[in-house]
Amino acid sequence: MGGRGGGAARRFLDFLRESPGRGPALAFMALLLGAAAYLAAGDEDTANRLAEYAYYALVIAVASELVWLARHREDDGEGQAGQSRAWRWS
């Protein structure tokens, strides 16, 4: 196993750096899971607070992705000017 120290952690960090919305999206999922756990335990106030934070994290994730997409659009010569491949259905 020599030379593999931190490989999984490095890959995870690289995964997060590829797109700005990934971190907040993961936070959203973790917060929502936490909210479900607190709700199952009967602590509705904490569950509601965590669900609210999860919603904010999701809004941040979507907004980050939209900003990133708007900044990285390219015209590849096949579609309308400024139309990204991500927006085309075919």
C-alpha atoms as a PDB file:
ATOM      1  CA  MET A   1       0.000   0.000   0.000  1.00  0.00           C
ATOM      2  CA  GLY A   2       3.012   2.262  -0.098  1.00  0.00           C
ATOM      3  CA  GLY A   3       2.514   5.722  -1.549  1.00  0.00           C
ATOM      4  CA  ARG A   4      -1.279   5.734  -1.310  1.00  0.00           C
ATOM      5  CA  GLY A   5      -1.601   7.840   1.821  1.00  0.00           C
ATOM      6  CA  GLY A   6      -4.479  10.285   1.491  1.00  0.00           C
ATOM      7  CA  GLY A   7      -5.537   8.982  -1.911  1.00  0.00           C
ATOM      8  CA  ALA A   8      -9.218   8.743  -1.104  1.00  0.00           C
ATOM      9  CA  ALA A   9      -9.218  12.104   0.640  1.00  0.00           C
ATOM     10  CA  ARG A  10      -7.401  13.710  -2.292  1.00  0.00           C
ATOM     11  CA  ARG A  11      -9.875  12.231  -4.792  1.00  0.00           C
ATOM     12  CA  PHE A  12     -12.778  13.476  -2.678  1.00  0.00           C
ATOM     13  CA  LEU A  13     -11.316  16.987  -2.543  1.00  0.00           C
ATOM     14  CA  ASP A  14     -10.715  16.913  -6.289  1.00  0.00           C
ATOM     15  CA  PHE A  15     -14.341  15.826  -6.738  1.00  0.00           C
ATOM     16  CA  LEU A  16     -15.505  18.815  -4.689  1.00  0.00           C
ATOM     17  CA  ARG A  17     -13.283  21.244  -6.600  1.00  0.00           C
ATOM     18  CA  GLU A  18     -14.618  20.228 -10.017  1.00  0.00           C
ATOM     19  CA  SER A  19     -17.850  22.108  -9.485  1.00  0.00           C
ATOM     20  CA  PRO A  20     -18.713  24.846  -6.972  1.00  0.00           C
ATOM     21  CA  GLY A  21     -22.142  23.441  -6.123  1.00  0.00           C
ATOM     22  CA  ARG A  22     -20.964  20.022  -4.986  1.00  0.00           C
ATOM     23  CA  GLY A  23     -19.976  21.053  -1.469  1.00  0.00           C
ATOM     24  CA  PRO A  24     -23.267  22.775  -0.683  1.00  0.00           C
ATOM     25  CA  ALA A  25     -25.171  19.883  -2.307  1.00  0.00           C
ATOM     26  CA  LEU A  26     -23.422  17.403  -0.026  1.00  0.00           C
ATOM     27  CA  ALA A  27     -24.145  19.685   2.935  1.00  0.00           C
ATOM     28  CA  PHE A  28     -27.799  19.711   1.880  1.00  0.00           C
ATOM     29  CA  MET A  29     -27.953  15.925   1.905  1.00  0.00           C
ATOM     30  CA  ALA A  30     -26.168  15.633   5.250  1.00  0.00           C
ATOM     31  CA  LEU A  31     -28.401  18.253   6.857  1.00  0.00           C
ATOM     32  CA  LEU A  32     -31.524  16.618   5.499  1.00  0.00           C
ATOM     33  CA  LEU A  33     -30.417  13.221   6.814  1.00  0.00           C
ATOM     34  CA  GLY A  34     -29.744  14.836  10.175  1.00  0.00           C
ATOM     35  CA  ALA A  35     -33.178  16.423  10.136  1.00  0.00           C
ATOM     36  CA  ALA A  36     -34.761  13.044   9.430  1.00  0.00           C
ATOM     37  CA  ALA A  37     -32.821  11.471  12.311  1.00  0.00           C
ATOM     38  CA  TYR A  38     -33.880  14.194  14.748  1.00  0.00           C
ATOM     39  CA  LEU A  39     -37.469  13.924  13.580  1.00  0.00           C
ATOM     40  CA  ALA A  40     -37.394  10.159  14.105  1.00  0.00           C
ATOM     41  CA  ALA A  41     -36.033  10.770  17.616  1.00  0.00           C
ATOM     42  CA  GLY A  42     -38.937  13.131  18.324  1.00  0.00           C
ATOM     43  CA  ASP A  43     -37.021  16.425  18.347  1.00  0.00           C
ATOM     44  CA  GLU A  44     -39.187  18.323  15.894  1.00  0.00           C
ATOM     45  CA  ASP A  45     -37.715  21.772  16.615  1.00  0.00           C
ATOM     46  CA  THR A  46     -34.155  20.701  15.800  1.00  0.00           C
ATOM     47  CA  ALA A  47     -35.383  18.741  12.774  1.00  0.00           C
ATOM     48  CA  ASN A  48     -37.158  21.804  11.414  1.00  0.00           C
ATOM     49  CA  ARG A  49     -34.073  23.972  11.969  1.00  0.00           C
ATOM     50  CA  LEU A  50     -31.836  21.467  10.175  1.00  0.00           C
ATOM     51  CA  ALA A  51     -34.329  21.167   7.315  1.00  0.00           C
ATOM     52  CA  GLU A  52     -34.294  24.950   6.957  1.00  0.00           C
ATOM     53  CA  TYR A  53     -30.482  24.975   6.818  1.00  0.00           C
ATOM     54  CA  ALA A  54     -30.642  22.163   4.267  1.00  0.00           C
ATOM     55  CA  TYR A  55     -32.920  24.288   2.101  1.00  0.00           C
ATOM     56  CA  TYR A  56     -30.454  27.196   2.243  1.00  0.00           C
ATOM     57  CA  ALA A  57     -27.611  24.860   1.291  1.00  0.00           C
ATOM     58  CA  LEU A  58     -29.618  23.619  -1.687  1.00  0.00           C
ATOM     59  CA  VAL A  59     -30.320  27.179  -2.839  1.00  0.00           C
ATOM     60  CA  ILE A  60     -26.606  27.970  -2.581  1.00  0.00           C
ATOM     61  CA  ALA A  61     -25.724  24.803  -4.531  1.00  0.00           C
ATOM     62  CA  VAL A  62     -28.127  25.567  -7.372  1.00  0.00           C
ATOM     63  CA  ALA A  63     -27.127  29.232  -7.546  1.00  0.00           C
ATOM     64  CA  SER A  64     -23.434  28.281  -7.571  1.00  0.00           C
ATOM     65  CA  GLU A  65     -23.979  25.826 -10.401  1.00  0.00           C
ATOM     66  CA  LEU A  66     -25.959  28.353 -12.438  1.00  0.00           C
ATOM     67  CA  VAL A  67     -23.253  30.998 -12.024  1.00  0.00           C
ATOM     68  CA  TRP A  68     -20.543  28.465 -12.896  1.00  0.00           C
ATOM     69  CA  LEU A  69     -22.472  27.331 -15.969  1.00  0.00           C
ATOM     70  CA  ALA A  70     -23.050  30.901 -17.147  1.00  0.00           C
ATOM     71  CA  ARG A  71     -19.325  31.643 -16.856  1.00  0.00           C
ATOM     72  CA  HIS A  72     -18.211  28.492 -18.642  1.00  0.00           C
ATOM     73  CA  ARG A  73     -20.499  28.498 -21.659  1.00  0.00           C
ATOM     74  CA  GLU A  74     -18.811  27.926 -24.967  1.00  0.00           C
ATOM     75  CA  ASP A  75     -20.024  28.112 -28.525  1.00  0.00           C
ATOM     76  CA  ASP A  76     -18.875  24.953 -30.288  1.00  0.00           C
ATOM     77  CA  GLY A  77     -20.114  26.146 -33.671  1.00  0.00           C
ATOM     78  CA  GLU A  78     -23.062  23.731 -33.816  1.00  0.00           C
ATOM     79  CA  GLY A  79     -25.711  25.706 -31.976  1.00  0.00           C
ATOM     80  CA  GLN A  80     -26.749  29.251 -31.343  1.00  0.00           C
ATOM     81  CA  ALA A  81     -24.077  31.591 -30.055  1.00  0.00           C
ATOM     82  CA  GLY A  82     -23.598  31.130 -26.347  1.00  0.00           C
ATOM     83  CA  GLN A  83     -25.671  27.950 -26.196  1.00  0.00           C
ATOM     84  CA  SER A  84     -23.907  25.372 -24.071  1.00  0.00           C
ATOM     85  CA  ARG A  85     -23.984  21.634 -24.739  1.00  0.00           C
ATOM     86  CA  ALA A  86     -25.470  21.225 -21.265  1.00  0.00           C
ATOM     87  CA  TRP A  87     -28.569  23.124 -22.353  1.00  0.00           C
ATOM     88  CA  ARG A  88     -29.190  21.160 -25.557  1.00  0.00           C
ATOM     89  CA  TRP A  89     -31.427  18.109 -25.426  1.00  0.00           C
ATOM     90  CA  SER A  90     -30.130  16.429 -28.559  1.00  0.00           C
END
